[in-house]
Amino acid sequence: MIELNETFSTTMIIEDVVIPNTWNITVTLMPNTAKNKLYNKAMERIQYYIQEILDNSIFVGSHNLKLLSEIPFKAQVHVFPDDPWDHLIAMCLYTKINSMCEEVFFVDSITINSHQARSVSHNFSEADGGNENLLELFEDDPDLEAYVKYWYKPTPQLFLLHEGLKLVDHPWDEIELQYEDKPKEADVVNLKDFKKPKPPKSDDDNIA
């Protein structure tokens, strides 16, 4: 097992209250020994996501999006299918980090605690339903499907408040965290440009 500990801060919108919060997160990972050459990049993916995509962002439930969109400020936003209480955040981050690792690591569990929760911890693990739990929890509400699947994308995503809550991707290759280099395209020769080489002159050609 590998254990990663990180801290990040967010602003949460829960019901009709805006709450600043600081989180401690512990991610317990099971390495896939068949992909050991990718361990470093997988770990960097997780750290990048926490430090650059989650930190200093806004956590909001989908039902509060309209109210949030009317605020004229710049911010990174993450949308949850319900109010972002600790247990749902743990479940969503479990799903997201598992997806980002793409089977280099398997997330065994995620534990979060926060300042607002007075350091009470919430844990989500494979034993609690694993990757399918989030889908099953909201499967009866098709209006939430997009906000559930948001947490299953293997690339970092966020909504930009100052661009009308536009969904933005951060592809791994843009920050050199793709697992494999893209193969170079082979040069293609057009047949009409291909000239058959002339045969070398023989000694007979010099005979008058």
Protein backbone atom coordinates (compact mmCIF):
# COMPACT_ATOMS: atom_id res chain seq x y z
CA MET A 1 0.00 0.00 0.00
CA ILE A 2 1.04 3.60 -0.66
CA GLU A 3 -0.36 6.48 1.39
CA LEU A 4 -0.51 10.07 0.15
CA ASN A 5 -1.40 12.99 2.44
CA GLU A 6 -2.33 16.42 1.09
CA THR A 7 -4.11 19.60 2.22
CA PHE A 8 -6.29 21.95 0.17
CA SER A 9 -8.73 24.81 0.75
CA THR A 10 -12.12 25.48 -0.80
CA THR A 11 -15.20 27.62 -0.49
CA MET A 12 -18.33 25.51 -0.09
CA ILE A 13 -21.89 26.45 -0.87
CA ILE A 14 -24.21 24.27 1.20
CA GLU A 15 -27.94 25.00 1.05
CA ASP A 16 -27.90 28.82 1.33
CA VAL A 17 -24.65 29.22 3.26
CA VAL A 18 -21.14 30.08 1.96
CA ILE A 19 -18.47 28.36 4.05
CA PRO A 20 -14.66 28.55 3.73
CA ASN A 21 -12.95 25.28 4.59
CA THR A 22 -9.56 23.59 4.71
CA TRP A 23 -9.30 19.88 4.06
CA ASN A 24 -6.84 17.13 4.90
CA ILE A 25 -7.00 14.18 2.55
CA THR A 26 -5.37 10.76 2.85
CA VAL A 27 -5.35 8.58 -0.26
CA THR A 28 -4.44 4.91 0.18
CA LEU A 29 -3.31 3.30 -3.07
CA MET A 30 -2.72 -0.26 -4.24
CA PRO A 31 0.00 -0.35 -6.91
CA ASN A 32 -0.45 -2.35 -10.10
CA THR A 33 2.90 -4.13 -10.40
CA ALA A 34 2.37 -4.62 -14.14
CA LYS A 35 2.61 -0.85 -14.59
CA ASN A 36 5.37 0.02 -12.15
CA LYS A 37 7.15 2.26 -14.67
CA LEU A 38 4.23 4.69 -14.48
CA TYR A 39 4.06 5.04 -10.69
CA ASN A 40 5.75 8.45 -10.62
CA LYS A 41 3.48 9.96 -13.23
CA ALA A 42 0.37 8.56 -11.58
CA MET A 43 1.40 10.07 -8.26
CA GLU A 44 2.13 13.40 -9.94
CA ARG A 45 -1.35 13.31 -11.49
CA ILE A 46 -2.96 13.01 -8.07
CA GLN A 47 -0.82 15.77 -6.58
CA TYR A 48 -1.44 18.07 -9.54
CA TYR A 49 -5.19 17.54 -9.29
CA ILE A 50 -5.29 18.32 -5.58
CA GLN A 51 -2.89 21.27 -5.66
CA GLU A 52 -3.92 22.94 -8.93
CA ILE A 53 -7.51 21.87 -9.63
CA LEU A 54 -9.08 21.44 -6.18
CA ASP A 55 -7.18 23.99 -4.09
CA ASN A 56 -8.83 27.44 -3.86
CA SER A 57 -11.89 26.29 -5.78
CA ILE A 58 -15.62 26.43 -5.04
CA PHE A 59 -17.58 23.28 -4.17
CA VAL A 60 -21.27 23.55 -5.02
CA GLY A 61 -24.31 21.30 -5.49
CA SER A 62 -25.90 21.31 -8.94
CA HIS A 63 -29.14 22.84 -7.59
CA ASN A 64 -27.22 26.02 -6.62
CA LEU A 65 -25.55 26.56 -9.98
CA LYS A 66 -27.98 29.22 -11.18
CA LEU A 67 -27.43 31.38 -8.09
CA LEU A 68 -23.67 30.93 -8.32
CA SER A 69 -23.60 31.89 -12.00
CA GLU A 70 -24.89 35.36 -11.12
CA ILE A 71 -21.79 36.21 -9.07
CA PRO A 72 -19.42 38.37 -11.20
CA PHE A 73 -16.11 36.96 -9.96
CA LYS A 74 -13.37 34.69 -11.28
CA ALA A 75 -13.24 31.23 -9.77
CA GLN A 76 -12.72 27.53 -10.43
CA VAL A 77 -15.80 25.49 -9.58
CA HIS A 78 -16.50 21.81 -8.95
CA VAL A 79 -20.10 20.67 -9.16
CA PHE A 80 -21.52 17.85 -7.05
CA PRO A 81 -24.84 16.07 -7.67
CA ASP A 82 -25.97 17.19 -4.19
CA ASP A 83 -24.74 19.56 -1.48
CA PRO A 84 -21.01 18.97 -0.92
CA TRP A 85 -21.14 17.39 2.51
CA ASP A 86 -18.01 15.54 3.59
CA HIS A 87 -19.26 12.00 2.86
CA LEU A 88 -20.19 12.93 -0.73
CA ILE A 89 -16.89 14.72 -1.28
CA ALA A 90 -15.00 11.62 -0.13
CA MET A 91 -17.01 9.44 -2.52
CA CYS A 92 -16.53 11.79 -5.49
CA LEU A 93 -12.79 12.17 -4.91
CA TYR A 94 -12.43 8.40 -4.58
CA THR A 95 -14.12 8.04 -7.97
CA LYS A 96 -12.14 10.83 -9.62
CA ILE A 97 -8.71 9.79 -8.41
CA ASN A 98 -9.37 6.16 -9.31
CA SER A 99 -10.32 7.27 -12.83
CA MET A 100 -7.24 9.49 -13.19
CA CYS A 101 -4.87 6.71 -12.18
CA GLU A 102 -6.12 4.56 -15.08
CA GLU A 103 -5.21 1.28 -13.34
CA VAL A 104 -1.62 2.26 -12.51
CA PHE A 105 -2.87 2.57 -8.94
CA PHE A 106 -6.17 1.37 -7.54
CA VAL A 107 -7.61 3.57 -4.80
CA ASP A 108 -8.26 1.44 -1.73
CA SER A 109 -9.70 4.27 0.35
CA ILE A 110 -9.91 8.02 0.79
CA THR A 111 -10.21 9.72 4.17
CA ILE A 112 -10.98 13.42 4.53
CA ASN A 113 -11.35 15.70 7.51
CA SER A 114 -11.73 19.45 7.66
CA HIS A 115 -11.65 22.50 9.85
CA GLN A 116 -15.42 22.97 9.62
CA ALA A 117 -16.05 19.35 10.58
CA ARG A 118 -13.92 19.87 13.69
CA SER A 119 -11.54 17.18 12.42
CA VAL A 120 -14.22 14.46 12.23
CA SER A 121 -13.06 12.12 9.46
CA HIS A 122 -15.08 10.63 6.64
CA ASN A 123 -13.81 7.57 4.81
CA PHE A 124 -14.86 5.97 1.54
CA SER A 125 -13.38 2.72 0.27
CA GLU A 126 -13.85 -0.22 -2.05
CA ALA A 127 -15.76 -1.93 0.75
CA ASP A 128 -18.35 0.89 0.68
CA GLY A 129 -19.24 0.21 -2.93
CA GLY A 130 -16.18 1.41 -4.81
CA ASN A 131 -16.37 3.09 -8.18
CA GLU A 132 -19.96 2.12 -8.95
CA ASN A 133 -21.46 3.57 -5.79
CA LEU A 134 -21.76 7.15 -7.06
CA LEU A 135 -23.60 6.06 -10.20
CA GLU A 136 -25.96 3.84 -8.26
CA LEU A 137 -26.72 6.52 -5.67
CA PHE A 138 -28.09 8.96 -8.26
CA GLU A 139 -29.28 6.58 -10.99
CA ASP A 140 -32.95 7.49 -10.45
CA ASP A 141 -32.40 11.16 -11.31
CA PRO A 142 -31.41 11.61 -14.98
CA ASP A 143 -31.06 15.38 -14.50
CA LEU A 144 -27.98 14.72 -12.40
CA GLU A 145 -26.28 12.35 -14.83
CA ALA A 146 -23.83 14.95 -16.20
CA TYR A 147 -22.73 15.98 -12.70
CA VAL A 148 -22.21 12.36 -11.70
CA LYS A 149 -20.21 11.45 -14.80
CA TYR A 150 -18.08 14.56 -14.25
CA TRP A 151 -16.30 12.64 -11.48
CA TYR A 152 -15.57 9.64 -13.73
CA LYS A 153 -13.49 11.51 -16.32
CA PRO A 154 -9.82 10.42 -16.34
CA THR A 155 -8.62 13.96 -17.09
CA PRO A 156 -8.84 16.99 -14.77
CA GLN A 157 -11.92 19.12 -15.36
CA LEU A 158 -13.42 22.22 -13.78
CA PHE A 159 -16.04 24.88 -14.43
CA LEU A 160 -14.96 28.50 -14.87
CA LEU A 161 -17.33 30.89 -13.11
CA HIS A 162 -16.10 33.93 -15.07
CA GLU A 163 -16.84 32.19 -18.37
CA GLY A 164 -20.44 31.34 -17.61
CA LEU A 165 -19.57 28.10 -15.80
CA LYS A 166 -17.88 26.76 -18.90
CA LEU A 167 -16.58 23.20 -18.52
CA VAL A 168 -12.84 23.10 -19.18
CA ASP A 169 -10.57 20.09 -19.71
CA HIS A 170 -6.90 19.98 -18.71
CA PRO A 171 -5.50 17.16 -20.87
CA TRP A 172 -2.58 15.30 -19.36
CA ASP A 173 -0.35 15.81 -22.37
CA GLU A 174 -0.50 19.59 -21.90
CA ILE A 175 1.34 19.20 -18.59
CA GLU A 176 3.46 16.24 -19.72
CA LEU A 177 1.67 13.73 -17.51
CA GLN A 178 0.36 11.48 -20.26
CA TYR A 179 1.31 7.85 -19.73
CA GLU A 180 2.59 7.26 -23.24
CA ASP A 181 4.11 9.61 -25.77
CA LYS A 182 1.98 10.02 -28.84
CA PRO A 183 3.51 8.06 -31.72
CA LYS A 184 4.95 10.22 -34.45
CA GLU A 185 3.00 10.20 -37.66
CA ALA A 186 4.83 8.39 -40.42
CA ASP A 187 5.77 10.38 -43.49
CA VAL A 188 3.37 9.60 -46.32
CA VAL A 189 4.66 9.68 -49.88
CA ASN A 190 2.15 10.42 -52.60
CA LEU A 191 2.44 7.95 -55.44
CA LYS A 192 2.45 10.73 -58.02
CA ASP A 193 5.50 12.20 -56.31
CA PHE A 194 7.33 8.91 -56.26
CA LYS A 195 9.90 8.69 -59.03
CA LYS A 196 11.26 5.35 -60.00
CA PRO A 197 15.07 5.52 -59.88
CA LYS A 198 16.81 5.22 -63.21
CA PRO A 199 18.95 2.13 -63.67
CA PRO A 200 22.71 2.78 -63.66
CA LYS A 201 24.38 3.07 -67.01
CA SER A 202 26.13 -0.03 -68.22
CA ASP A 203 29.43 -0.08 -70.06
CA ASP A 204 27.50 -0.85 -73.24
CA ASP A 205 25.99 2.65 -73.18
CA ASN A 206 29.45 4.10 -73.83
CA ILE A 207 30.01 1.99 -76.96
CA ALA A 208 29.39 3.87 -80.18
